Amino acid sequence: MEESRPLHSGAGAALRKLVPPPALCGFVLLLALMFGVSYAVGAAYGPVAPGMHGSRSGSGGGDPVPHGDGGGMGGMHG
């Protein structure tokens, strides 16, 4: 009768030590997926703050932020 081999042979045990746990792989995959989706949504809809402009150079110059009332909130008198 043949003797059964131990479950943790030399090469197999070393390989199992190098492989990260499945939960960690799943978390990293989910993190990458969420980053990809949020990047795609951001690229599709553009900036959300009013008055934000892209970082394209050569668009004519000038100050993109209006400074008419000192930059404060309108209607707030103190």
N, C-alpha and C. Protein backbone atom coordinates (compact mmCIF):
# COMPACT_ATOMS: atom_id res chain seq x y z
N MET A 1 0.83 -1.17 0.00
CA MET A 1 0.00 0.00 0.00
C MET A 1 0.88 1.25 0.00
N GLU A 2 0.50 2.24 -0.78
CA GLU A 2 1.28 3.47 -0.87
C GLU A 2 0.93 4.41 0.28
N GLU A 3 1.93 5.12 0.71
CA GLU A 3 1.68 6.12 1.75
C GLU A 3 1.18 7.40 1.08
N SER A 4 0.22 8.05 1.69
CA SER A 4 -0.29 9.30 1.13
C SER A 4 0.70 10.42 1.41
N ARG A 5 0.78 11.34 0.49
CA ARG A 5 1.70 12.47 0.63
C ARG A 5 1.10 13.49 1.59
N PRO A 6 1.92 14.16 2.34
CA PRO A 6 1.38 15.22 3.21
C PRO A 6 0.78 16.34 2.37
N LEU A 7 -0.20 17.01 2.91
CA LEU A 7 -0.88 18.08 2.18
C LEU A 7 0.04 19.26 1.90
N HIS A 8 0.96 19.52 2.77
CA HIS A 8 1.84 20.67 2.61
C HIS A 8 3.22 20.21 2.17
N SER A 9 3.36 19.91 0.90
CA SER A 9 4.67 19.54 0.40
C SER A 9 5.54 20.79 0.30
N GLY A 10 6.81 20.66 0.07
CA GLY A 10 7.76 21.78 0.08
C GLY A 10 7.39 22.90 -0.86
N ALA A 11 7.19 22.61 -2.15
CA ALA A 11 6.89 23.64 -3.13
C ALA A 11 5.48 24.20 -2.95
N GLY A 12 4.53 23.33 -2.62
CA GLY A 12 3.15 23.77 -2.44
C GLY A 12 2.99 24.68 -1.24
N ALA A 13 3.69 24.39 -0.16
CA ALA A 13 3.59 25.22 1.05
C ALA A 13 4.22 26.59 0.80
N ALA A 14 5.33 26.61 0.08
CA ALA A 14 5.97 27.90 -0.21
C ALA A 14 5.08 28.75 -1.11
N LEU A 15 4.41 28.11 -2.06
CA LEU A 15 3.52 28.85 -2.96
C LEU A 15 2.32 29.39 -2.20
N ARG A 16 1.78 28.61 -1.26
CA ARG A 16 0.62 29.07 -0.50
C ARG A 16 0.98 30.24 0.42
N LYS A 17 2.24 30.28 0.87
CA LYS A 17 2.65 31.40 1.73
C LYS A 17 2.76 32.69 0.93
N LEU A 18 3.10 32.60 -0.36
CA LEU A 18 3.29 33.79 -1.18
C LEU A 18 1.98 34.36 -1.73
N VAL A 19 0.96 33.54 -1.84
CA VAL A 19 -0.32 33.98 -2.39
C VAL A 19 -1.10 34.71 -1.30
N PRO A 20 -1.58 35.93 -1.58
CA PRO A 20 -2.36 36.67 -0.58
C PRO A 20 -3.71 35.98 -0.35
N PRO A 21 -4.33 36.25 0.79
CA PRO A 21 -5.63 35.65 1.07
C PRO A 21 -6.68 36.08 0.05
N PRO A 22 -7.66 35.24 -0.22
CA PRO A 22 -8.70 35.58 -1.21
C PRO A 22 -9.48 36.84 -0.84
N ALA A 23 -9.68 37.09 0.44
CA ALA A 23 -10.41 38.30 0.84
C ALA A 23 -9.65 39.56 0.46
N LEU A 24 -8.33 39.52 0.58
CA LEU A 24 -7.52 40.68 0.19
C LEU A 24 -7.57 40.90 -1.32
N CYS A 25 -7.51 39.82 -2.07
CA CYS A 25 -7.62 39.94 -3.54
C CYS A 25 -8.97 40.51 -3.94
N GLY A 26 -10.03 40.06 -3.29
CA GLY A 26 -11.36 40.58 -3.58
C GLY A 26 -11.48 42.05 -3.23
N PHE A 27 -10.89 42.45 -2.10
CA PHE A 27 -10.95 43.86 -1.70
C PHE A 27 -10.21 44.74 -2.69
N VAL A 28 -9.03 44.31 -3.12
CA VAL A 28 -8.25 45.10 -4.08
C VAL A 28 -8.99 45.19 -5.41
N LEU A 29 -9.62 44.09 -5.83
CA LEU A 29 -10.39 44.10 -7.06
C LEU A 29 -11.58 45.05 -6.96
N LEU A 30 -12.28 45.02 -5.83
CA LEU A 30 -13.42 45.92 -5.63
C LEU A 30 -12.97 47.38 -5.58
N LEU A 31 -11.84 47.63 -4.95
CA LEU A 31 -11.30 49.00 -4.89
C LEU A 31 -10.96 49.51 -6.28
N ALA A 32 -10.32 48.68 -7.09
CA ALA A 32 -9.97 49.08 -8.46
C ALA A 32 -11.23 49.31 -9.30
N LEU A 33 -12.24 48.47 -9.10
CA LEU A 33 -13.49 48.63 -9.84
C LEU A 33 -14.19 49.93 -9.47
N MET A 34 -14.24 50.25 -8.18
CA MET A 34 -14.89 51.49 -7.74
C MET A 34 -14.12 52.72 -8.25
N PHE A 35 -12.79 52.65 -8.26
CA PHE A 35 -12.00 53.75 -8.78
C PHE A 35 -12.29 53.95 -10.27
N GLY A 36 -12.36 52.86 -11.02
CA GLY A 36 -12.63 52.95 -12.45
C GLY A 36 -14.00 53.55 -12.74
N VAL A 37 -15.01 53.12 -11.98
CA VAL A 37 -16.36 53.64 -12.18
C VAL A 37 -16.43 55.13 -11.82
N SER A 38 -15.82 55.50 -10.70
CA SER A 38 -15.87 56.92 -10.31
C SER A 38 -15.10 57.80 -11.29
N TYR A 39 -14.00 57.29 -11.83
CA TYR A 39 -13.25 58.05 -12.82
C TYR A 39 -14.07 58.23 -14.09
N ALA A 40 -14.77 57.17 -14.52
CA ALA A 40 -15.58 57.25 -15.73
C ALA A 40 -16.74 58.22 -15.55
N VAL A 41 -17.37 58.19 -14.39
CA VAL A 41 -18.48 59.12 -14.12
C VAL A 41 -17.96 60.56 -14.07
N GLY A 42 -16.83 60.78 -13.44
CA GLY A 42 -16.25 62.12 -13.37
C GLY A 42 -15.86 62.63 -14.74
N ALA A 43 -15.33 61.76 -15.58
CA ALA A 43 -14.95 62.18 -16.93
C ALA A 43 -16.18 62.48 -17.77
N ALA A 44 -17.27 61.76 -17.54
CA ALA A 44 -18.48 61.96 -18.33
C ALA A 44 -19.20 63.26 -17.93
N TYR A 45 -19.25 63.57 -16.64
CA TYR A 45 -20.01 64.72 -16.19
C TYR A 45 -19.18 65.98 -16.01
N GLY A 46 -17.88 65.86 -15.89
CA GLY A 46 -17.03 67.03 -15.76
C GLY A 46 -17.04 67.60 -14.36
N PRO A 47 -16.53 68.82 -14.20
CA PRO A 47 -16.46 69.42 -12.87
C PRO A 47 -17.84 69.74 -12.32
N VAL A 48 -18.00 69.63 -11.02
CA VAL A 48 -19.30 69.87 -10.41
C VAL A 48 -19.41 71.25 -9.79
N ALA A 49 -18.31 71.91 -9.51
CA ALA A 49 -18.36 73.23 -8.91
C ALA A 49 -18.57 74.27 -10.01
N PRO A 50 -19.50 75.20 -9.80
CA PRO A 50 -19.71 76.24 -10.80
C PRO A 50 -18.48 77.12 -10.96
N GLY A 51 -18.15 77.44 -12.17
CA GLY A 51 -17.02 78.31 -12.43
C GLY A 51 -15.71 77.57 -12.58
N MET A 52 -15.70 76.26 -12.38
CA MET A 52 -14.45 75.51 -12.57
C MET A 52 -14.20 75.34 -14.05
N HIS A 53 -12.97 75.49 -14.43
CA HIS A 53 -12.59 75.34 -15.82
C HIS A 53 -11.52 74.26 -15.91
N GLY A 54 -11.40 73.68 -17.07
CA GLY A 54 -10.38 72.67 -17.29
C GLY A 54 -9.00 73.27 -17.24
N SER A 55 -8.01 72.43 -17.24
CA SER A 55 -6.62 72.92 -17.15
C SER A 55 -5.99 73.02 -18.52
N ARG A 56 -6.79 73.33 -19.54
CA ARG A 56 -6.25 73.50 -20.90
C ARG A 56 -5.48 74.80 -20.96
N SER A 57 -4.29 74.75 -21.52
CA SER A 57 -3.49 75.97 -21.65
C SER A 57 -3.84 76.67 -22.96
N GLY A 58 -3.62 77.94 -22.99
CA GLY A 58 -3.88 78.72 -24.20
C GLY A 58 -5.34 79.00 -24.45
N SER A 59 -6.14 79.08 -23.39
CA SER A 59 -7.57 79.32 -23.57
C SER A 59 -7.92 80.80 -23.53
N GLY A 60 -6.96 81.67 -23.60
CA GLY A 60 -7.27 83.09 -23.69
C GLY A 60 -6.80 83.91 -22.52
N GLY A 61 -6.37 83.29 -21.45
CA GLY A 61 -5.88 84.05 -20.29
C GLY A 61 -7.03 84.64 -19.51
N GLY A 62 -6.72 85.60 -18.67
CA GLY A 62 -7.75 86.21 -17.83
C GLY A 62 -7.91 85.44 -16.54
N ASP A 63 -8.56 86.06 -15.58
CA ASP A 63 -8.77 85.44 -14.29
C ASP A 63 -10.10 84.70 -14.30
N PRO A 64 -10.13 83.39 -14.10
CA PRO A 64 -11.39 82.66 -14.14
C PRO A 64 -12.27 82.88 -12.92
N VAL A 65 -11.72 83.44 -11.83
CA VAL A 65 -12.50 83.65 -10.61
C VAL A 65 -12.92 85.11 -10.54
N PRO A 66 -14.22 85.41 -10.48
CA PRO A 66 -14.65 86.81 -10.39
C PRO A 66 -14.33 87.38 -9.01
N HIS A 67 -13.84 88.60 -8.99
CA HIS A 67 -13.51 89.26 -7.73
C HIS A 67 -14.31 90.53 -7.55
N GLY A 68 -15.53 90.60 -8.03
CA GLY A 68 -16.33 91.80 -7.98
C GLY A 68 -16.73 92.23 -6.59
N ASP A 69 -17.14 91.29 -5.72
CA ASP A 69 -17.61 91.65 -4.40
C ASP A 69 -16.62 91.24 -3.31
N GLY A 70 -15.37 91.05 -3.65
CA GLY A 70 -14.37 90.70 -2.65
C GLY A 70 -14.30 89.20 -2.40
N GLY A 71 -15.03 88.40 -3.14
CA GLY A 71 -14.97 86.96 -2.99
C GLY A 71 -15.82 86.41 -1.88
N GLY A 72 -16.60 87.25 -1.22
CA GLY A 72 -17.46 86.76 -0.11
C GLY A 72 -18.76 86.18 -0.64
N MET A 73 -19.58 85.74 0.30
CA MET A 73 -20.88 85.20 -0.07
C MET A 73 -21.86 86.35 -0.24
N GLY A 74 -22.57 86.33 -1.36
CA GLY A 74 -23.53 87.40 -1.63
C GLY A 74 -24.70 87.36 -0.63
N GLY A 75 -25.16 88.49 -0.18
CA GLY A 75 -26.29 88.55 0.73
C GLY A 75 -25.90 88.44 2.20
N MET A 76 -24.64 88.21 2.47
CA MET A 76 -24.17 88.08 3.86
C MET A 76 -23.54 89.41 4.27
N HIS A 77 -24.27 90.22 4.99
CA HIS A 77 -23.76 91.52 5.41
C HIS A 77 -23.43 91.46 6.89
N GLY A 78 -22.25 91.91 7.22
CA GLY A 78 -21.85 91.78 8.63
C GLY A 78 -21.48 93.00 9.30
